[in-house]
Amino acid sequence: MINYNGEIQQTSPALSAKNRGFLYGDGVFDLVKYVEGKLIFWEEHYLRLMATMRISRMDIPDSFTLEFLESEIQKTIQGNALSGKPVLVRTTISRKEGGGYTPQSQEVNYCMDIEGITTPFYQNLNIPYEVELFKDYYTQADLLSTLNTTNRMLHIIGSVFAKENDYQNCILMNTQKNVVSFLDGNLFLVFGNQIVTPPLSDGAPNGITRKKLIEALGKTEDFSLEERSVSPFELQKADELFLTNTREGIQSVTKYRKKEFPNTIAVKLLGKLNTLARLG
């Protein structure tokens, strides 16, 4: 399926009603940004996708090399005359049809979906961005919670809650009642020159933008980074809160409950992230 600005131009049989990703959430996906003929941080995205398939016990075809999937993405973009435009490309992989909860086969289908975007590199939108804790349901502090799978019910329900209550996003907690992530990205807190983010072992998503920002922080003496469990009570003590993901890059929180936040440090870190994207 090729989707550009909401218009479906082509439908893949991989998304039929019998598809296991549709029936059981038995699928995995990756979202990568394409800018000026290049897939940003493509090797990291590819390695994460392959690792997610292995953890999901899917067969990885011999043809699924770094070069093959990049070629498939490039052909899809070129075939839709989008080579000169920045886009987001989602690659979804699901097991082939058949079986109930126990698949008949570990072989896979795949499809690619394209979404147009307005800006080529990462940004930090200067918009009101109020968030709240989502406490109706919790994520697990385990490996499965770190994966991009097509089973996103927790995130969907949380997003509906946010929309109904006029929040721009919500923060998820795990079953140990530690905060772990936003609905659609990784969570970072700023305390002076210290940057804190929940660890993957707490159930935080294995985000590529998170990984690259941590890499950038490791190359500077201006800030220190700590990956550790974070209590909800620390959110209002932080100097800044922001999220990272492939779509926005970095998005600063402007308000959580009664506290309002600046975006000074986030803007500085955004420059480092865009430098890595240009050089990567």
C-alpha atoms as a PDB file:
ATOM      1  CA  MET A   1       0.000   0.000   0.000  1.00  0.00           C
ATOM      2  CA  ILE A   2       1.359   3.382  -0.987  1.00  0.00           C
ATOM      3  CA  ASN A   3      -0.152   6.238   0.980  1.00  0.00           C
ATOM      4  CA  TYR A   4       0.821   9.850   0.279  1.00  0.00           C
ATOM      5  CA  ASN A   5      -0.973  12.668   2.091  1.00  0.00           C
ATOM      6  CA  GLY A   6      -3.812  10.322   2.958  1.00  0.00           C
ATOM      7  CA  GLU A   7      -4.481   9.088  -0.578  1.00  0.00           C
ATOM      8  CA  ILE A   8      -4.233   5.330  -1.133  1.00  0.00           C
ATOM      9  CA  GLN A   9      -2.765   4.814  -4.569  1.00  0.00           C
ATOM     10  CA  GLN A  10      -2.091   1.106  -4.543  1.00  0.00           C
ATOM     11  CA  THR A  11      -3.220  -1.772  -2.340  1.00  0.00           C
ATOM     12  CA  SER A  12      -1.078  -4.800  -1.506  1.00  0.00           C
ATOM     13  CA  PRO A  13      -2.541  -8.313  -1.055  1.00  0.00           C
ATOM     14  CA  ALA A  14      -0.368  -8.477   2.049  1.00  0.00           C
ATOM     15  CA  LEU A  15      -3.061  -6.338   3.745  1.00  0.00           C
ATOM     16  CA  SER A  16      -6.004  -8.632   2.952  1.00  0.00           C
ATOM     17  CA  ALA A  17      -8.623  -9.507   5.576  1.00  0.00           C
ATOM     18  CA  LYS A  18      -6.869 -12.837   6.190  1.00  0.00           C
ATOM     19  CA  ASN A  19      -3.553 -11.196   6.960  1.00  0.00           C
ATOM     20  CA  ARG A  20      -2.237 -12.250  10.382  1.00  0.00           C
ATOM     21  CA  GLY A  21      -1.158  -8.708  11.179  1.00  0.00           C
ATOM     22  CA  PHE A  22      -4.803  -7.685  10.685  1.00  0.00           C
ATOM     23  CA  LEU A  23      -6.314 -10.662  12.528  1.00  0.00           C
ATOM     24  CA  TYR A  24      -3.944 -11.056  15.466  1.00  0.00           C
ATOM     25  CA  GLY A  25      -1.503  -8.158  15.465  1.00  0.00           C
ATOM     26  CA  ASP A  26       1.063 -10.709  14.261  1.00  0.00           C
ATOM     27  CA  GLY A  27       3.311  -8.223  12.527  1.00  0.00           C
ATOM     28  CA  VAL A  28       6.243  -5.895  13.028  1.00  0.00           C
ATOM     29  CA  PHE A  29       7.080  -2.564  11.430  1.00  0.00           C
ATOM     30  CA  ASP A  30       9.695   0.120  11.025  1.00  0.00           C
ATOM     31  CA  LEU A  31       9.334   3.805  10.202  1.00  0.00           C
ATOM     32  CA  VAL A  32      12.247   5.566   8.493  1.00  0.00           C
ATOM     33  CA  LYS A  33      12.658   9.076   7.111  1.00  0.00           C
ATOM     34  CA  TYR A  34      13.707   9.641   3.486  1.00  0.00           C
ATOM     35  CA  VAL A  35      15.339  12.968   2.634  1.00  0.00           C
ATOM     36  CA  GLU A  36      17.187  14.093  -0.508  1.00  0.00           C
ATOM     37  CA  GLY A  37      17.655  10.586  -1.855  1.00  0.00           C
ATOM     38  CA  LYS A  38      18.796   9.108   1.463  1.00  0.00           C
ATOM     39  CA  LEU A  39      17.178   7.008   4.171  1.00  0.00           C
ATOM     40  CA  ILE A  40      18.146   8.617   7.482  1.00  0.00           C
ATOM     41  CA  PHE A  41      19.920   6.221   9.891  1.00  0.00           C
ATOM     42  CA  TRP A  42      18.925   3.360   7.578  1.00  0.00           C
ATOM     43  CA  GLU A  43      21.429   0.799   8.894  1.00  0.00           C
ATOM     44  CA  GLU A  44      20.167   1.234  12.457  1.00  0.00           C
ATOM     45  CA  HIS A  45      16.555   0.936  11.291  1.00  0.00           C
ATOM     46  CA  TYR A  46      17.362  -2.191   9.288  1.00  0.00           C
ATOM     47  CA  LEU A  47      19.185  -3.895  12.165  1.00  0.00           C
ATOM     48  CA  ARG A  48      16.322  -3.119  14.544  1.00  0.00           C
ATOM     49  CA  LEU A  49      13.798  -4.525  12.086  1.00  0.00           C
ATOM     50  CA  MET A  50      15.773  -7.757  11.672  1.00  0.00           C
ATOM     51  CA  ALA A  51      16.189  -8.100  15.442  1.00  0.00           C
ATOM     52  CA  THR A  52      12.454  -7.567  15.926  1.00  0.00           C
ATOM     53  CA  MET A  53      11.701 -10.305  13.393  1.00  0.00           C
ATOM     54  CA  ARG A  54      14.057 -12.711  15.171  1.00  0.00           C
ATOM     55  CA  ILE A  55      12.534 -11.997  18.578  1.00  0.00           C
ATOM     56  CA  SER A  56       9.080 -12.517  17.017  1.00  0.00           C
ATOM     57  CA  ARG A  57      10.260 -15.910  15.687  1.00  0.00           C
ATOM     58  CA  MET A  58       9.668 -14.976  12.070  1.00  0.00           C
ATOM     59  CA  ASP A  59      11.719 -16.507   9.280  1.00  0.00           C
ATOM     60  CA  ILE A  60      13.991 -13.883   7.751  1.00  0.00           C
ATOM     61  CA  PRO A  61      14.266 -14.514   3.984  1.00  0.00           C
ATOM     62  CA  ASP A  62      17.808 -14.699   2.610  1.00  0.00           C
ATOM     63  CA  SER A  63      16.835 -11.887   0.261  1.00  0.00           C
ATOM     64  CA  PHE A  64      16.161  -9.494   3.165  1.00  0.00           C
ATOM     65  CA  THR A  65      19.562  -7.841   3.022  1.00  0.00           C
ATOM     66  CA  LEU A  66      20.233  -4.211   3.867  1.00  0.00           C
ATOM     67  CA  GLU A  67      20.642  -3.456   0.179  1.00  0.00           C
ATOM     68  CA  PHE A  68      17.516  -5.336  -0.941  1.00  0.00           C
ATOM     69  CA  LEU A  69      15.101  -3.591   1.411  1.00  0.00           C
ATOM     70  CA  GLU A  70      16.654  -0.214   0.663  1.00  0.00           C
ATOM     71  CA  SER A  71      16.228  -0.938  -3.042  1.00  0.00           C
ATOM     72  CA  GLU A  72      12.575  -1.901  -2.510  1.00  0.00           C
ATOM     73  CA  ILE A  73      11.951   1.346  -0.627  1.00  0.00           C
ATOM     74  CA  GLN A  74      13.723   3.404  -3.275  1.00  0.00           C
ATOM     75  CA  LYS A  75      11.747   1.718  -6.080  1.00  0.00           C
ATOM     76  CA  THR A  76       8.483   2.383  -4.270  1.00  0.00           C
ATOM     77  CA  ILE A  77       9.355   6.049  -3.804  1.00  0.00           C
ATOM     78  CA  GLN A  78      10.529   6.464  -7.398  1.00  0.00           C
ATOM     79  CA  GLY A  79       7.533   4.585  -8.782  1.00  0.00           C
ATOM     80  CA  ASN A  80       5.265   7.152  -7.161  1.00  0.00           C
ATOM     81  CA  ALA A  81       7.321  10.137  -8.386  1.00  0.00           C
ATOM     82  CA  LEU A  82       8.262  11.163  -4.839  1.00  0.00           C
ATOM     83  CA  SER A  83      12.051  11.030  -5.133  1.00  0.00           C
ATOM     84  CA  GLY A  84      12.453  14.761  -4.629  1.00  0.00           C
ATOM     85  CA  LYS A  85      10.166  15.021  -1.617  1.00  0.00           C
ATOM     86  CA  PRO A  86      10.774  14.203   2.061  1.00  0.00           C
ATOM     87  CA  VAL A  87       8.675  11.229   3.123  1.00  0.00           C
ATOM     88  CA  LEU A  88       8.238   8.732   5.927  1.00  0.00           C
ATOM     89  CA  VAL A  89       8.366   5.096   4.838  1.00  0.00           C
ATOM     90  CA  ARG A  90       6.742   2.398   6.938  1.00  0.00           C
ATOM     91  CA  THR A  91       7.742  -1.194   6.217  1.00  0.00           C
ATOM     92  CA  THR A  92       5.295  -3.699   7.717  1.00  0.00           C
ATOM     93  CA  ILE A  93       6.136  -7.400   7.888  1.00  0.00           C
ATOM     94  CA  SER A  94       3.655 -10.087   8.920  1.00  0.00           C
ATOM     95  CA  ARG A  95       3.550 -13.858   8.902  1.00  0.00           C
ATOM     96  CA  LYS A  96       1.799 -15.477   5.948  1.00  0.00           C
ATOM     97  CA  GLU A  97      -1.851 -16.419   6.216  1.00  0.00           C
ATOM     98  CA  GLY A  98      -2.979 -19.537   8.038  1.00  0.00           C
ATOM     99  CA  GLY A  99      -3.421 -20.851  11.548  1.00  0.00           C
ATOM    100  CA  GLY A 100      -4.996 -19.380  14.633  1.00  0.00           C
ATOM    101  CA  TYR A 101      -2.814 -18.233  17.482  1.00  0.00           C
ATOM    102  CA  THR A 102      -0.320 -20.850  16.300  1.00  0.00           C
ATOM    103  CA  PRO A 103       0.894 -19.819  12.827  1.00  0.00           C
ATOM    104  CA  GLN A 104       1.005 -22.449  10.099  1.00  0.00           C
ATOM    105  CA  SER A 105       4.233 -20.910   8.817  1.00  0.00           C
ATOM    106  CA  GLN A 106       6.962 -18.557   9.954  1.00  0.00           C
ATOM    107  CA  GLU A 107       7.359 -17.218   6.403  1.00  0.00           C
ATOM    108  CA  VAL A 108       6.493 -13.572   5.880  1.00  0.00           C
ATOM    109  CA  ASN A 109       4.842 -11.009   3.625  1.00  0.00           C
ATOM    110  CA  TYR A 110       5.794  -7.355   3.540  1.00  0.00           C
ATOM    111  CA  CYS A 111       4.379  -4.072   2.294  1.00  0.00           C
ATOM    112  CA  MET A 112       5.498  -0.441   2.286  1.00  0.00           C
ATOM    113  CA  ASP A 113       3.471   2.668   3.029  1.00  0.00           C
ATOM    114  CA  ILE A 114       4.592   6.209   2.184  1.00  0.00           C
ATOM    115  CA  GLU A 115       3.512   9.405   3.924  1.00  0.00           C
ATOM    116  CA  GLY A 116       4.468  12.877   2.769  1.00  0.00           C
ATOM    117  CA  ILE A 117       6.014  15.278   5.297  1.00  0.00           C
ATOM    118  CA  THR A 118       6.657  19.012   5.097  1.00  0.00           C
ATOM    119  CA  THR A 119      10.147  19.360   6.558  1.00  0.00           C
ATOM    120  CA  PRO A 120      13.266  17.424   5.546  1.00  0.00           C
ATOM    121  CA  PHE A 121      15.101  17.289   8.865  1.00  0.00           C
ATOM    122  CA  TYR A 122      14.194  17.005  12.516  1.00  0.00           C
ATOM    123  CA  GLN A 123      12.506  19.871  14.285  1.00  0.00           C
ATOM    124  CA  ASN A 124      11.126  20.949  17.636  1.00  0.00           C
ATOM    125  CA  LEU A 125       7.755  22.514  16.905  1.00  0.00           C
ATOM    126  CA  ASN A 126       7.118  25.685  18.898  1.00  0.00           C
ATOM    127  CA  ILE A 127       3.562  24.754  19.829  1.00  0.00           C
ATOM    128  CA  PRO A 128       1.585  24.271  23.050  1.00  0.00           C
ATOM    129  CA  TYR A 129       2.239  20.672  24.032  1.00  0.00           C
ATOM    130  CA  GLU A 130       0.498  19.560  27.200  1.00  0.00           C
ATOM    131  CA  VAL A 131       0.771  15.969  28.419  1.00  0.00           C
ATOM    132  CA  GLU A 132      -0.643  13.797  31.193  1.00  0.00           C
ATOM    133  CA  LEU A 133      -0.019  10.379  32.707  1.00  0.00           C
ATOM    134  CA  PHE A 134      -2.081   7.547  31.240  1.00  0.00           C
ATOM    135  CA  LYS A 135      -3.023   5.333  34.189  1.00  0.00           C
ATOM    136  CA  ASP A 136      -5.835   3.144  32.858  1.00  0.00           C
ATOM    137  CA  TYR A 137      -3.437   0.450  31.602  1.00  0.00           C
ATOM    138  CA  TYR A 138       0.270  -0.234  31.933  1.00  0.00           C
ATOM    139  CA  THR A 139       3.054  -1.481  29.716  1.00  0.00           C
ATOM    140  CA  GLN A 140       5.233  -4.427  30.688  1.00  0.00           C
ATOM    141  CA  ALA A 141       8.846  -4.079  31.814  1.00  0.00           C
ATOM    142  CA  ASP A 142      10.107  -6.664  29.333  1.00  0.00           C
ATOM    143  CA  LEU A 143      11.664  -7.133  25.910  1.00  0.00           C
ATOM    144  CA  LEU A 144       8.367  -7.310  23.996  1.00  0.00           C
ATOM    145  CA  SER A 145       7.444  -3.790  25.093  1.00  0.00           C
ATOM    146  CA  THR A 146      10.534  -2.410  23.347  1.00  0.00           C
ATOM    147  CA  LEU A 147       9.456  -3.733  19.917  1.00  0.00           C
ATOM    148  CA  ASN A 148       7.528  -2.060  17.095  1.00  0.00           C
ATOM    149  CA  THR A 149       4.674  -4.503  16.517  1.00  0.00           C
ATOM    150  CA  THR A 150       1.279  -4.068  14.884  1.00  0.00           C
ATOM    151  CA  ASN A 151      -0.407  -4.801  18.228  1.00  0.00           C
ATOM    152  CA  ARG A 152      -0.713  -1.215  19.560  1.00  0.00           C
ATOM    153  CA  MET A 153      -3.973  -1.311  21.519  1.00  0.00           C
ATOM    154  CA  LEU A 154      -2.479   0.327  24.617  1.00  0.00           C
ATOM    155  CA  HIS A 155      -1.181   3.226  22.527  1.00  0.00           C
ATOM    156  CA  ILE A 156      -4.479   3.591  20.655  1.00  0.00           C
ATOM    157  CA  ILE A 157      -6.584   3.713  23.822  1.00  0.00           C
ATOM    158  CA  GLY A 158      -4.122   6.167  25.348  1.00  0.00           C
ATOM    159  CA  SER A 159      -4.280   8.362  22.241  1.00  0.00           C
ATOM    160  CA  VAL A 160      -8.098   8.417  22.403  1.00  0.00           C
ATOM    161  CA  PHE A 161      -7.858   9.413  26.075  1.00  0.00           C
ATOM    162  CA  ALA A 162      -5.443  12.228  25.166  1.00  0.00           C
ATOM    163  CA  LYS A 163      -7.704  13.520  22.394  1.00  0.00           C
ATOM    164  CA  GLU A 164     -10.823  13.405  24.569  1.00  0.00           C
ATOM    165  CA  ASN A 165      -9.088  15.423  27.275  1.00  0.00           C
ATOM    166  CA  ASP A 166      -7.296  17.939  25.014  1.00  0.00           C
ATOM    167  CA  TYR A 167      -3.792  16.655  25.697  1.00  0.00           C
ATOM    168  CA  GLN A 168      -1.216  16.492  22.924  1.00  0.00           C
ATOM    169  CA  ASN A 169       0.246  13.266  24.302  1.00  0.00           C
ATOM    170  CA  CYS A 170       0.326  10.964  27.305  1.00  0.00           C
ATOM    171  CA  ILE A 171       3.105   9.308  29.268  1.00  0.00           C
ATOM    172  CA  LEU A 172       2.941   5.571  29.836  1.00  0.00           C
ATOM    173  CA  MET A 173       3.893   3.759  33.024  1.00  0.00           C
ATOM    174  CA  ASN A 174       4.987   0.162  33.476  1.00  0.00           C
ATOM    175  CA  THR A 175       3.632  -2.335  35.980  1.00  0.00           C
ATOM    176  CA  GLN A 176       6.271  -1.186  38.489  1.00  0.00           C
ATOM    177  CA  LYS A 177       4.650   2.281  38.275  1.00  0.00           C
ATOM    178  CA  ASN A 178       7.713   3.890  36.691  1.00  0.00           C
ATOM    179  CA  VAL A 179       7.271   6.178  33.689  1.00  0.00           C
ATOM    180  CA  VAL A 180       8.754   4.685  30.526  1.00  0.00           C
ATOM    181  CA  SER A 181       7.715   6.555  27.361  1.00  0.00           C
ATOM    182  CA  PHE A 182       5.206   8.687  25.530  1.00  0.00           C
ATOM    183  CA  LEU A 183       2.475   7.084  23.451  1.00  0.00           C
ATOM    184  CA  ASP A 184       4.548   7.597  20.304  1.00  0.00           C
ATOM    185  CA  GLY A 185       8.119   8.181  21.395  1.00  0.00           C
ATOM    186  CA  ASN A 186      10.818   7.972  24.006  1.00  0.00           C
ATOM    187  CA  LEU A 187      10.846  10.107  27.138  1.00  0.00           C
ATOM    188  CA  PHE A 188      13.720  12.376  28.183  1.00  0.00           C
ATOM    189  CA  LEU A 189      13.980  14.551  31.297  1.00  0.00           C
ATOM    190  CA  VAL A 190      16.433  17.412  31.848  1.00  0.00           C
ATOM    191  CA  PHE A 191      17.892  18.219  35.282  1.00  0.00           C
ATOM    192  CA  GLY A 192      20.443  20.988  34.814  1.00  0.00           C
ATOM    193  CA  ASN A 193      23.123  19.499  32.570  1.00  0.00           C
ATOM    194  CA  GLN A 194      21.980  15.944  33.216  1.00  0.00           C
ATOM    195  CA  ILE A 195      19.742  14.171  30.708  1.00  0.00           C
ATOM    196  CA  VAL A 196      17.749  11.188  32.009  1.00  0.00           C
ATOM    197  CA  THR A 197      15.845   8.576  29.988  1.00  0.00           C
ATOM    198  CA  PRO A 198      14.163   5.325  31.099  1.00  0.00           C
ATOM    199  CA  PRO A 199      16.089   2.152  30.162  1.00  0.00           C
ATOM    200  CA  LEU A 200      14.910  -0.477  27.693  1.00  0.00           C
ATOM    201  CA  SER A 201      14.733  -2.933  30.605  1.00  0.00           C
ATOM    202  CA  ASP A 202      11.823  -0.868  31.989  1.00  0.00           C
ATOM    203  CA  GLY A 203       9.896  -1.344  28.744  1.00  0.00           C
ATOM    204  CA  ALA A 204      10.963   1.841  26.940  1.00  0.00           C
ATOM    205  CA  PRO A 205      10.716   1.585  23.135  1.00  0.00           C
ATOM    206  CA  ASN A 206      13.944   0.798  21.307  1.00  0.00           C
ATOM    207  CA  GLY A 207      13.773   4.048  19.355  1.00  0.00           C
ATOM    208  CA  ILE A 208      16.376   4.862  16.715  1.00  0.00           C
ATOM    209  CA  THR A 209      16.159   8.604  17.426  1.00  0.00           C
ATOM    210  CA  ARG A 210      16.663   7.784  21.114  1.00  0.00           C
ATOM    211  CA  LYS A 211      19.732   5.733  20.212  1.00  0.00           C
ATOM    212  CA  LYS A 212      21.233   8.459  18.017  1.00  0.00           C
ATOM    213  CA  LEU A 213      20.600  11.168  20.614  1.00  0.00           C
ATOM    214  CA  ILE A 214      22.331   9.034  23.249  1.00  0.00           C
ATOM    215  CA  GLU A 215      25.203   8.636  20.787  1.00  0.00           C
ATOM    216  CA  ALA A 216      25.385  12.415  20.320  1.00  0.00           C
ATOM    217  CA  LEU A 217      25.349  13.007  24.087  1.00  0.00           C
ATOM    218  CA  GLY A 218      28.251  10.601  24.463  1.00  0.00           C
ATOM    219  CA  LYS A 219      30.367  12.861  22.244  1.00  0.00           C
ATOM    220  CA  THR A 220      29.836  16.069  24.195  1.00  0.00           C
ATOM    221  CA  GLU A 221      31.063  17.290  27.569  1.00  0.00           C
ATOM    222  CA  ASP A 222      28.195  19.759  27.884  1.00  0.00           C
ATOM    223  CA  PHE A 223      25.744  17.175  29.167  1.00  0.00           C
ATOM    224  CA  SER A 224      25.766  13.855  31.000  1.00  0.00           C
ATOM    225  CA  LEU A 225      23.316  11.057  30.279  1.00  0.00           C
ATOM    226  CA  GLU A 226      21.799   8.576  32.713  1.00  0.00           C
ATOM    227  CA  GLU A 227      19.570   5.655  31.741  1.00  0.00           C
ATOM    228  CA  ARG A 228      17.578   4.712  34.848  1.00  0.00           C
ATOM    229  CA  SER A 229      14.100   4.079  36.186  1.00  0.00           C
ATOM    230  CA  VAL A 230      12.070   7.264  36.558  1.00  0.00           C
ATOM    231  CA  SER A 231       9.320   7.883  39.113  1.00  0.00           C
ATOM    232  CA  PRO A 232       6.228   9.860  38.051  1.00  0.00           C
ATOM    233  CA  PHE A 233       7.042  12.312  40.851  1.00  0.00           C
ATOM    234  CA  GLU A 234      10.197  13.366  38.998  1.00  0.00           C
ATOM    235  CA  LEU A 235       8.249  14.727  36.043  1.00  0.00           C
ATOM    236  CA  GLN A 236       7.337  17.964  37.814  1.00  0.00           C
ATOM    237  CA  LYS A 237      10.853  18.307  39.217  1.00  0.00           C
ATOM    238  CA  ALA A 238      12.492  18.261  35.778  1.00  0.00           C
ATOM    239  CA  ASP A 239      13.689  21.464  34.087  1.00  0.00           C
ATOM    240  CA  GLU A 240      12.491  20.185  30.718  1.00  0.00           C
ATOM    241  CA  LEU A 241      10.611  17.210  29.284  1.00  0.00           C
ATOM    242  CA  PHE A 242      10.746  16.119  25.666  1.00  0.00           C
ATOM    243  CA  LEU A 243      10.041  13.146  23.446  1.00  0.00           C
ATOM    244  CA  THR A 244      12.021  11.683  20.551  1.00  0.00           C
ATOM    245  CA  ASN A 245      10.793   9.716  17.558  1.00  0.00           C
ATOM    246  CA  THR A 246      11.423   9.349  13.824  1.00  0.00           C
ATOM    247  CA  ARG A 247       8.540  11.614  12.838  1.00  0.00           C
ATOM    248  CA  GLU A 248       9.250  14.735  14.944  1.00  0.00           C
ATOM    249  CA  GLY A 249      12.842  14.169  15.967  1.00  0.00           C
ATOM    250  CA  ILE A 250      12.489  16.070  19.255  1.00  0.00           C
ATOM    251  CA  GLN A 251       9.262  17.558  20.612  1.00  0.00           C
ATOM    252  CA  SER A 252       9.338  19.582  23.806  1.00  0.00           C
ATOM    253  CA  VAL A 253       6.602  19.378  26.416  1.00  0.00           C
ATOM    254  CA  THR A 254       5.318  22.821  27.374  1.00  0.00           C
ATOM    255  CA  LYS A 255       3.036  21.802  30.252  1.00  0.00           C
ATOM    256  CA  TYR A 256       2.508  18.859  32.587  1.00  0.00           C
ATOM    257  CA  ARG A 257      -0.174  19.439  35.194  1.00  0.00           C
ATOM    258  CA  LYS A 258       0.604  22.781  36.858  1.00  0.00           C
ATOM    259  CA  LYS A 259       4.182  23.080  35.647  1.00  0.00           C
ATOM    260  CA  GLU A 260       5.239  24.787  32.428  1.00  0.00           C
ATOM    261  CA  PHE A 261       8.534  23.965  30.729  1.00  0.00           C
ATOM    262  CA  PRO A 262      10.997  25.778  28.439  1.00  0.00           C
ATOM    263  CA  ASN A 263      12.768  24.071  25.527  1.00  0.00           C
ATOM    264  CA  THR A 264      16.276  25.540  25.800  1.00  0.00           C
ATOM    265  CA  ILE A 265      18.201  22.267  26.126  1.00  0.00           C
ATOM    266  CA  ALA A 266      15.997  20.426  23.634  1.00  0.00           C
ATOM    267  CA  VAL A 267      16.777  23.023  20.956  1.00  0.00           C
ATOM    268  CA  LYS A 268      20.512  22.584  21.570  1.00  0.00           C
ATOM    269  CA  LEU A 269      20.204  18.802  21.330  1.00  0.00           C
ATOM    270  CA  LEU A 270      18.149  19.099  18.155  1.00  0.00           C
ATOM    271  CA  GLY A 271      21.131  20.665  16.405  1.00  0.00           C
ATOM    272  CA  LYS A 272      23.313  17.712  17.380  1.00  0.00           C
ATOM    273  CA  LEU A 273      20.698  15.256  16.144  1.00  0.00           C
ATOM    274  CA  ASN A 274      20.369  16.981  12.771  1.00  0.00           C
ATOM    275  CA  THR A 275      24.146  17.000  12.392  1.00  0.00           C
ATOM    276  CA  LEU A 276      24.193  13.225  12.854  1.00  0.00           C
ATOM    277  CA  ALA A 277      21.353  12.865  10.337  1.00  0.00           C
ATOM    278  CA  ARG A 278      23.218  14.859   7.703  1.00  0.00           C
ATOM    279  CA  LEU A 279      26.451  12.956   8.225  1.00  0.00           C
ATOM    280  CA  GLY A 280      24.905   9.508   8.779  1.00  0.00           C
END
